[in-house]
Amino acid sequence: MAGSKPPSEPHFHFETIGVHTGLSRSENVVRDAPIYASTSFSFNNSAHGAAIFNGTAEAFCYSRIGNPTIDVFEKRMAALENGEAGLATSSGPAALFLAITALAQAGSNIVVVSTVSESSAHQFRYRLPALGISARFVESGQVVQAIDEHTKGVFVESISCTDLLVADIKSLAGAAHKAGVPLVVDNTVGVGGFLIRPIDHGADIVIASAAEWLSISGSNMAGIIIDSGKFDWLKNKDRFPQFFEPSPGFHGLKLWEKFGNLSFIAFSRAAVMRDTGPCLNPFEAFQLLAGLETLSVRIERNSSNALELALWLEHHAKIGEVRYPGLPSTPLYQVSANYPKVNYGGILYFRVKATAETPAMILDNFKLVSRGSIGGSKTAIVEGEGPGDGRIYVSVGLENIEDIKADFERALSLV
């Protein structure tokens, strides 16, 4: 199955995986992954083609389902997240939509833990209910009570985009598994496993938007789904019949009999991706592979810049609150064993000691720092959602930290 982690891959550290994993040089005879800009591929004969389309032969047939360039990206991402197989999508929201609709159908529900990003919240509140899939928003201590016989998964962000708090993935996984459902973790802010690897702490499925940090400058739209290969679908087959019953879209093929514990990612690719089409294109995959090669060094710089800026803001006379996971003053969800002690990512937020109008005034005063979205190599600021929220989010980039602090000093001095 395209996207699976190579079985003979030697054990490498994260930085080495980001540079090497997924490319078979003996087959491709190249040093870097080539771009396969083709929609379709040749077959040995008609029977071979039919077998590939039906999922009973291992080969590429059509780039909406699998492509050699994208396959390298999927394998590398699976290795970085310590999973077994990956599926690349056209965006982060596409990854979420595919993962949820592969698990759930009309009449099902998903338990959503704590606050999630605005785009994810919109899917759960507006798009999925139109398909008959409801969401139950709860705090982490209410997960067990929220799960019923129609629940198909528990969803959480590894690091909340809103509160910058780290989820207690181990406890959430235990609660989900006890009820017989997988834990799905959005690891966008966990940066491809560099900051935190949810699968190491019990997560079953990882999704992420790749645009923010996996690409070199945050300019490549993409998403990724990673299957840990560890959830016991067989034990919970009554809850997930789509993996065990004959599939009408594949001439009666029973996915479990062929793919076993990777039935979820196989169904996501061969059914949901095939039929809805939000696939990644090979040009984006090629650029993302280049981004993965420098991921670790870029995030180290993002993290060191963010920590220094957070410490500087904490001592500024006009700042009232600063939240950054690397600050001793920022609370965590009992995750000392989950979170690294060196790098904490590039996102922080602060509030100023002033009126509700102040955030907008500050945003207009920057010269170097720009308005924008999180991620990328350039420092950007985003105003908090809702009237009177007061939070100013900062996505700290790769510039010299003294230049960043000088721009903040200038902006704050004009308030």
Protein backbone atom coordinates (compact mmCIF):
# COMPACT_ATOMS: atom_id res chain seq x y z
CA MET A 1 0.00 0.00 0.00
CA ALA A 2 1.49 3.34 -0.98
CA GLY A 3 2.43 5.40 2.05
CA SER A 4 3.50 2.52 4.28
CA LYS A 5 6.72 2.79 6.23
CA PRO A 6 9.45 0.68 4.60
CA PRO A 7 9.79 -2.55 6.63
CA SER A 8 13.58 -2.67 6.27
CA GLU A 9 14.14 0.98 7.24
CA PRO A 10 16.99 1.16 9.80
CA HIS A 11 16.46 3.10 13.00
CA PHE A 12 17.44 6.73 12.60
CA HIS A 13 17.04 9.81 14.76
CA PHE A 14 14.44 12.45 13.82
CA GLU A 15 16.82 14.73 11.94
CA THR A 16 18.14 11.89 9.77
CA ILE A 17 14.64 10.60 9.02
CA GLY A 18 13.69 14.05 7.76
CA VAL A 19 16.49 13.94 5.21
CA HIS A 20 16.55 10.34 4.03
CA THR A 21 13.47 8.20 4.72
CA GLY A 22 11.09 7.10 1.97
CA LEU A 23 13.32 7.22 -1.10
CA SER A 24 14.54 3.93 -2.53
CA ARG A 25 17.65 4.88 -4.46
CA SER A 26 18.07 1.37 -5.80
CA GLU A 27 14.77 1.73 -7.64
CA ASN A 28 14.84 5.40 -8.58
CA VAL A 29 18.61 5.73 -9.22
CA VAL A 30 18.49 9.33 -7.97
CA ARG A 31 19.67 11.19 -4.92
CA ASP A 32 16.44 13.14 -4.42
CA ALA A 33 12.80 12.28 -5.08
CA PRO A 34 11.83 13.13 -8.68
CA ILE A 35 8.53 14.78 -9.53
CA TYR A 36 6.15 12.31 -11.15
CA ALA A 37 3.87 14.82 -12.88
CA SER A 38 1.48 12.22 -14.22
CA THR A 39 -2.11 11.38 -13.48
CA SER A 40 -1.89 7.73 -14.51
CA PHE A 41 0.61 4.88 -14.82
CA SER A 42 1.14 1.92 -17.12
CA PHE A 43 0.04 -1.63 -16.30
CA ASN A 44 1.48 -4.96 -17.39
CA ASN A 45 -1.90 -5.94 -18.80
CA SER A 46 -5.61 -5.37 -18.19
CA ALA A 47 -5.75 -7.90 -15.36
CA HIS A 48 -2.83 -6.19 -13.64
CA GLY A 49 -4.57 -2.82 -13.95
CA ALA A 50 -7.80 -4.18 -12.53
CA ALA A 51 -5.94 -5.72 -9.58
CA ILE A 52 -4.24 -2.41 -8.78
CA PHE A 53 -7.50 -0.45 -8.87
CA ASN A 54 -9.17 -3.07 -6.66
CA GLY A 55 -6.37 -2.88 -4.09
CA THR A 56 -5.17 -6.45 -4.59
CA ALA A 57 -1.86 -5.54 -6.28
CA GLU A 58 0.88 -3.20 -5.02
CA ALA A 59 1.54 -0.53 -7.66
CA PHE A 60 0.54 2.98 -8.66
CA CYS A 61 -2.50 3.38 -10.86
CA TYR A 62 -3.77 6.95 -10.62
CA SER A 63 -2.29 9.95 -8.80
CA ARG A 64 -5.51 10.75 -6.98
CA ILE A 65 -4.98 7.48 -5.09
CA GLY A 66 -1.18 7.31 -5.02
CA ASN A 67 1.83 8.91 -6.69
CA PRO A 68 5.55 8.03 -6.37
CA THR A 69 6.60 11.54 -5.31
CA ILE A 70 3.78 11.81 -2.79
CA ASP A 71 4.57 8.29 -1.60
CA VAL A 72 8.03 9.42 -0.46
CA PHE A 73 6.47 12.28 1.51
CA GLU A 74 3.91 9.94 3.09
CA LYS A 75 6.55 7.41 4.12
CA ARG A 76 8.80 10.11 5.54
CA MET A 77 5.98 11.64 7.54
CA ALA A 78 4.91 8.24 8.87
CA ALA A 79 8.47 7.64 10.05
CA LEU A 80 8.77 11.10 11.63
CA GLU A 81 5.54 10.55 13.58
CA ASN A 82 6.50 6.93 14.42
CA GLY A 83 3.45 5.60 12.59
CA GLU A 84 3.01 2.80 10.07
CA ALA A 85 1.41 4.50 7.08
CA GLY A 86 0.55 7.97 5.82
CA LEU A 87 -1.92 9.61 3.46
CA ALA A 88 -1.22 13.10 2.10
CA THR A 89 -4.09 15.48 1.38
CA SER A 90 -4.54 18.85 -0.28
CA SER A 91 -4.83 20.73 3.05
CA GLY A 92 -5.08 20.30 6.80
CA PRO A 93 -8.90 20.59 6.82
CA ALA A 94 -9.00 17.94 4.08
CA ALA A 95 -6.98 15.61 6.31
CA LEU A 96 -9.46 16.14 9.16
CA PHE A 97 -12.46 15.61 6.89
CA LEU A 98 -11.05 12.42 5.38
CA ALA A 99 -10.10 10.97 8.76
CA ILE A 100 -13.49 11.65 10.34
CA THR A 101 -15.57 10.48 7.40
CA ALA A 102 -13.51 7.29 7.17
CA LEU A 103 -14.40 6.56 10.80
CA ALA A 104 -17.95 7.88 11.06
CA GLN A 105 -21.18 7.81 9.10
CA ALA A 106 -24.62 9.38 9.44
CA GLY A 107 -25.89 8.82 12.96
CA SER A 108 -22.38 8.71 14.45
CA ASN A 109 -20.67 11.19 16.74
CA ILE A 110 -17.15 12.32 17.54
CA VAL A 111 -16.08 13.48 21.01
CA VAL A 112 -14.03 16.68 20.68
CA VAL A 113 -11.83 17.55 23.64
CA SER A 114 -11.35 21.13 24.82
CA THR A 115 -10.77 24.06 22.49
CA VAL A 116 -9.72 23.46 18.90
CA SER A 117 -8.72 25.71 16.01
CA GLU A 118 -11.39 27.77 14.28
CA SER A 119 -11.22 25.76 11.03
CA SER A 120 -11.60 22.44 12.87
CA ALA A 121 -14.42 23.81 15.02
CA HIS A 122 -16.28 24.91 11.89
CA GLN A 123 -16.05 21.40 10.42
CA PHE A 124 -17.38 19.82 13.61
CA ARG A 125 -20.11 22.43 14.13
CA TYR A 126 -21.33 23.06 10.59
CA ARG A 127 -19.99 20.76 7.86
CA LEU A 128 -20.06 17.31 9.48
CA PRO A 129 -23.54 17.69 11.04
CA ALA A 130 -24.88 18.24 7.51
CA LEU A 131 -23.68 14.67 6.82
CA GLY A 132 -25.32 13.35 9.98
CA ILE A 133 -22.10 13.26 12.03
CA SER A 134 -22.40 15.19 15.28
CA ALA A 135 -19.69 16.51 17.61
CA ARG A 136 -19.70 16.53 21.40
CA PHE A 137 -17.42 19.24 22.80
CA VAL A 138 -16.18 18.33 26.26
CA GLU A 139 -13.34 18.98 28.69
CA SER A 140 -10.69 16.29 29.09
CA GLY A 141 -12.26 14.92 32.27
CA GLN A 142 -15.63 14.34 30.58
CA VAL A 143 -14.55 12.03 27.76
CA VAL A 144 -15.73 8.75 29.27
CA GLN A 145 -19.21 10.09 29.98
CA ALA A 146 -19.52 11.55 26.47
CA ILE A 147 -18.81 8.29 24.60
CA ASP A 148 -21.77 6.12 23.66
CA GLU A 149 -22.47 3.25 21.25
CA HIS A 150 -22.53 5.68 18.30
CA THR A 151 -19.18 7.33 19.04
CA LYS A 152 -16.50 6.63 16.42
CA GLY A 153 -13.53 8.51 17.84
CA VAL A 154 -12.11 11.05 20.30
CA PHE A 155 -10.44 14.13 18.82
CA VAL A 156 -7.94 16.49 20.46
CA GLU A 157 -5.17 18.87 19.50
CA SER A 158 -1.78 17.85 20.87
CA ILE A 159 -1.08 21.51 21.60
CA SER A 160 -4.15 23.73 21.53
CA CYS A 161 -3.95 26.44 18.89
CA THR A 162 -6.15 28.60 21.12
CA ASP A 163 -4.80 28.11 24.65
CA LEU A 164 -1.32 26.72 23.85
CA LEU A 165 -1.93 24.01 26.43
CA VAL A 166 -0.60 20.49 25.91
CA ALA A 167 -3.09 17.61 25.98
CA ASP A 168 -2.65 14.69 28.32
CA ILE A 169 -2.58 12.26 25.41
CA LYS A 170 -1.86 9.17 27.51
CA SER A 171 -4.95 9.65 29.69
CA LEU A 172 -7.16 10.49 26.72
CA ALA A 173 -5.94 7.41 24.85
CA GLY A 174 -6.72 5.24 27.85
CA ALA A 175 -10.25 6.60 28.06
CA ALA A 176 -10.84 6.18 24.32
CA HIS A 177 -9.45 2.67 24.18
CA LYS A 178 -11.46 1.55 27.19
CA ALA A 179 -14.59 2.54 25.28
CA GLY A 180 -13.37 0.89 22.04
CA VAL A 181 -12.71 3.97 19.92
CA PRO A 182 -9.48 5.45 18.50
CA LEU A 183 -7.86 8.67 19.68
CA VAL A 184 -7.35 11.11 16.79
CA VAL A 185 -4.78 13.85 17.49
CA ASP A 186 -4.21 17.00 15.45
CA ASN A 187 -0.45 17.45 15.72
CA THR A 188 -0.09 20.57 13.58
CA VAL A 189 1.54 22.54 16.40
CA GLY A 190 3.60 19.46 17.31
CA VAL A 191 5.42 20.02 14.00
CA GLY A 192 5.59 16.58 12.41
CA GLY A 193 6.59 14.90 15.66
CA PHE A 194 9.56 17.18 16.36
CA LEU A 195 7.98 18.76 19.45
CA ILE A 196 5.70 15.89 20.45
CA ARG A 197 4.88 12.48 18.98
CA PRO A 198 1.29 11.63 19.93
CA ILE A 199 1.63 8.01 18.81
CA ASP A 200 4.38 7.49 21.39
CA HIS A 201 1.82 8.37 24.07
CA GLY A 202 -1.08 6.25 22.85
CA ALA A 203 -2.68 8.13 19.93
CA ASP A 204 -4.01 5.94 17.13
CA ILE A 205 -4.40 8.43 14.28
CA VAL A 206 -2.48 11.67 13.77
CA ILE A 207 -3.55 14.41 11.39
CA ALA A 208 -1.86 17.72 10.65
CA SER A 209 -1.77 20.69 8.38
CA ALA A 210 1.59 20.69 6.62
CA ALA A 211 1.48 24.30 5.44
CA GLU A 212 2.57 25.98 8.67
CA TRP A 213 5.99 24.48 9.37
CA LEU A 214 6.65 21.38 7.28
CA SER A 215 7.21 23.47 4.16
CA ILE A 216 10.25 25.74 4.08
CA SER A 217 8.44 29.07 4.22
CA GLY A 218 4.87 28.10 5.07
CA SER A 219 3.79 28.50 1.45
CA ASN A 220 2.78 24.92 0.55
CA MET A 221 -0.83 23.95 1.18
CA ALA A 222 -1.05 20.32 2.32
CA GLY A 223 -2.26 17.95 5.01
CA ILE A 224 -1.28 14.53 6.29
CA ILE A 225 -2.95 11.58 8.03
CA ILE A 226 -0.80 9.06 9.90
CA ASP A 227 -2.05 5.65 11.03
CA SER A 228 -0.22 4.16 14.01
CA GLY A 229 -1.27 0.66 12.98
CA LYS A 230 -1.89 -0.11 16.66
CA PHE A 231 -5.63 0.28 17.15
CA ASP A 232 -7.42 -3.05 17.55
CA TRP A 233 -10.11 -2.74 14.89
CA LEU A 234 -10.89 -6.46 15.10
CA LYS A 235 -11.78 -6.19 18.78
CA ASN A 236 -14.16 -3.36 17.90
CA LYS A 237 -15.45 -4.64 14.55
CA ASP A 238 -19.12 -4.07 15.44
CA ARG A 239 -18.40 -0.35 15.80
CA PHE A 240 -16.47 -0.17 12.51
CA PRO A 241 -18.21 -2.53 10.05
CA GLN A 242 -16.84 -0.68 7.01
CA PHE A 243 -13.48 -2.38 7.51
CA PHE A 244 -14.92 -5.90 7.74
CA GLU A 245 -17.96 -6.12 5.50
CA PRO A 246 -17.64 -6.72 1.74
CA SER A 247 -16.94 -3.40 0.06
CA PRO A 248 -19.29 -2.67 -2.85
CA GLY A 249 -16.74 -0.23 -4.27
CA PHE A 250 -14.09 -2.97 -4.52
CA HIS A 251 -16.03 -5.97 -5.77
CA GLY A 252 -16.69 -7.28 -2.29
CA LEU A 253 -13.12 -6.93 -0.97
CA LYS A 254 -12.95 -7.11 2.84
CA LEU A 255 -10.34 -4.54 3.84
CA TRP A 256 -9.44 -6.23 7.12
CA GLU A 257 -8.50 -9.47 5.39
CA LYS A 258 -5.91 -7.66 3.26
CA PHE A 259 -4.77 -4.71 5.37
CA GLY A 260 -5.33 -5.82 8.96
CA ASN A 261 -4.61 -3.03 11.47
CA LEU A 262 -3.96 -0.63 8.58
CA SER A 263 -7.56 -0.95 7.38
CA PHE A 264 -8.34 2.62 8.43
CA ILE A 265 -5.67 4.25 6.27
CA ALA A 266 -6.46 1.85 3.41
CA PHE A 267 -10.14 2.81 3.55
CA SER A 268 -9.24 6.52 3.80
CA ARG A 269 -7.17 6.25 0.62
CA ALA A 270 -9.00 3.72 -1.50
CA ALA A 271 -12.54 4.80 -0.65
CA VAL A 272 -12.78 8.34 0.76
CA MET A 273 -9.83 9.87 -1.10
CA ARG A 274 -10.66 8.04 -4.31
CA ASP A 275 -14.28 9.15 -4.26
CA THR A 276 -13.92 12.75 -2.99
CA GLY A 277 -10.50 13.62 -4.45
CA PRO A 278 -8.71 16.11 -2.09
CA CYS A 279 -5.31 14.65 -2.99
CA LEU A 280 -1.93 16.34 -2.76
CA ASN A 281 -0.16 17.14 -6.03
CA PRO A 282 3.43 15.95 -6.69
CA PHE A 283 4.85 19.47 -7.01
CA GLU A 284 3.72 20.34 -3.48
CA ALA A 285 5.05 16.99 -2.23
CA PHE A 286 8.45 17.71 -3.77
CA GLN A 287 8.65 21.08 -2.00
CA LEU A 288 7.47 19.58 1.27
CA LEU A 289 10.23 16.98 1.11
CA ALA A 290 12.73 19.82 0.81
CA GLY A 291 11.09 21.41 3.84
CA LEU A 292 11.40 18.24 5.91
CA GLU A 293 15.15 18.21 5.31
CA THR A 294 15.53 21.46 7.25
CA LEU A 295 12.59 21.01 9.63
CA SER A 296 14.57 20.31 12.79
CA VAL A 297 17.01 23.20 12.42
CA ARG A 298 14.22 25.64 11.52
CA ILE A 299 12.07 24.67 14.51
CA GLU A 300 15.08 24.92 16.81
CA ARG A 301 15.45 28.54 15.67
CA ASN A 302 11.70 29.21 15.89
CA SER A 303 11.74 27.82 19.42
CA SER A 304 14.76 29.74 20.67
CA ASN A 305 13.42 32.99 19.18
CA ALA A 306 9.97 32.40 20.69
CA LEU A 307 11.35 31.65 24.15
CA GLU A 308 13.54 34.75 24.15
CA LEU A 309 10.66 36.92 22.92
CA ALA A 310 8.31 35.45 25.54
CA LEU A 311 10.81 36.14 28.34
CA TRP A 312 11.30 39.69 27.04
CA LEU A 313 7.55 40.32 26.88
CA GLU A 314 7.05 38.98 30.42
CA HIS A 315 9.26 41.77 31.74
CA HIS A 316 7.79 44.54 29.59
CA ALA A 317 5.91 47.20 31.53
CA LYS A 318 2.97 47.28 29.09
CA ILE A 319 2.37 43.50 28.96
CA GLY A 320 -0.13 41.87 31.30
CA GLU A 321 0.03 38.17 30.37
CA VAL A 322 2.30 35.98 28.26
CA ARG A 323 1.64 32.34 27.47
CA TYR A 324 4.25 30.09 25.89
CA PRO A 325 4.79 26.39 26.68
CA GLY A 326 8.47 27.03 27.45
CA LEU A 327 7.75 29.55 30.22
CA PRO A 328 7.59 28.33 33.83
CA SER A 329 4.49 30.53 34.26
CA THR A 330 2.54 28.71 31.52
CA PRO A 331 0.46 25.78 32.81
CA LEU A 332 0.65 22.36 31.18
CA TYR A 333 -1.81 19.44 31.35
CA GLN A 334 0.39 17.16 33.47
CA VAL A 335 2.55 16.36 30.48
CA SER A 336 6.08 16.47 31.86
CA ALA A 337 6.74 13.07 30.30
CA ASN A 338 5.10 14.01 26.98
CA TYR A 339 6.82 17.26 26.19
CA PRO A 340 10.47 17.89 25.30
CA LYS A 341 12.63 20.01 27.58
CA VAL A 342 14.48 21.99 24.88
CA ASN A 343 12.17 23.09 22.04
CA TYR A 344 8.65 24.39 22.58
CA GLY A 345 7.71 25.68 19.13
CA GLY A 346 7.17 29.12 17.68
CA ILE A 347 3.71 30.14 18.95
CA LEU A 348 2.96 32.41 21.90
CA TYR A 349 0.33 34.94 22.84
CA PHE A 350 0.21 37.99 25.08
CA ARG A 351 -2.20 40.58 26.43
CA VAL A 352 -1.44 44.20 27.09
CA LYS A 353 -2.32 46.31 30.12
CA ALA A 354 -4.76 48.60 28.33
CA THR A 355 -8.22 48.92 26.82
CA ALA A 356 -10.00 46.48 24.54
CA GLU A 357 -9.06 48.62 21.54
CA THR A 358 -5.33 48.26 22.18
CA PRO A 359 -4.69 44.98 20.26
CA ALA A 360 -5.81 46.51 16.96
CA MET A 361 -3.70 49.61 17.66
CA ILE A 362 -0.60 47.49 18.28
CA LEU A 363 -1.12 45.43 15.15
CA ASP A 364 -1.00 48.59 13.05
CA ASN A 365 2.33 49.72 14.54
CA PHE A 366 4.64 46.95 13.37
CA LYS A 367 7.11 47.48 10.54
CA LEU A 368 9.00 44.14 10.34
CA VAL A 369 6.38 41.84 11.86
CA SER A 370 3.36 41.35 9.61
CA ARG A 371 -0.26 40.38 10.04
CA GLY A 372 -0.79 36.83 8.88
CA SER A 373 -1.36 33.26 9.99
CA ILE A 374 0.76 30.92 12.06
CA GLY A 375 3.82 29.17 10.68
CA GLY A 376 6.42 29.99 8.09
CA SER A 377 9.80 31.69 8.32
CA LYS A 378 8.50 35.24 8.89
CA THR A 379 7.25 36.50 12.25
CA ALA A 380 3.52 37.21 12.10
CA ILE A 381 0.84 38.39 14.49
CA VAL A 382 -2.82 37.40 14.69
CA GLU A 383 -5.48 39.08 16.79
CA GLY A 384 -7.50 36.81 19.05
CA GLU A 385 -10.99 35.75 18.04
CA GLY A 386 -14.05 37.54 19.33
CA PRO A 387 -14.65 41.04 20.67
CA GLY A 388 -12.72 41.89 23.80
CA ASP A 389 -10.58 38.73 23.62
CA GLY A 390 -7.45 40.83 24.05
CA ARG A 391 -4.99 38.12 23.01
CA ILE A 392 -2.37 38.81 20.38
CA TYR A 393 -0.87 35.62 18.95
CA VAL A 394 2.68 35.66 17.64
CA SER A 395 4.09 33.12 15.21
CA VAL A 396 7.78 33.70 15.72
CA GLY A 397 9.93 33.33 12.62
CA LEU A 398 13.57 32.90 11.74
CA GLU A 399 14.70 36.54 11.78
CA ASN A 400 17.36 37.79 14.17
CA ILE A 401 15.75 37.98 17.58
CA GLU A 402 17.11 41.47 18.23
CA ASP A 403 15.29 42.75 15.16
CA ILE A 404 12.07 41.08 16.32
CA LYS A 405 12.31 42.57 19.81
CA ALA A 406 13.12 46.01 18.40
CA ASP A 407 9.97 45.91 16.27
CA PHE A 408 7.88 44.92 19.29
CA GLU A 409 9.42 47.72 21.36
CA ARG A 410 8.60 50.21 18.62
CA ALA A 411 5.01 48.97 18.30
CA LEU A 412 4.41 48.96 22.04
CA SER A 413 5.95 52.40 22.54
CA LEU A 414 3.28 53.92 20.26
CA VAL A 415 0.37 52.64 22.40
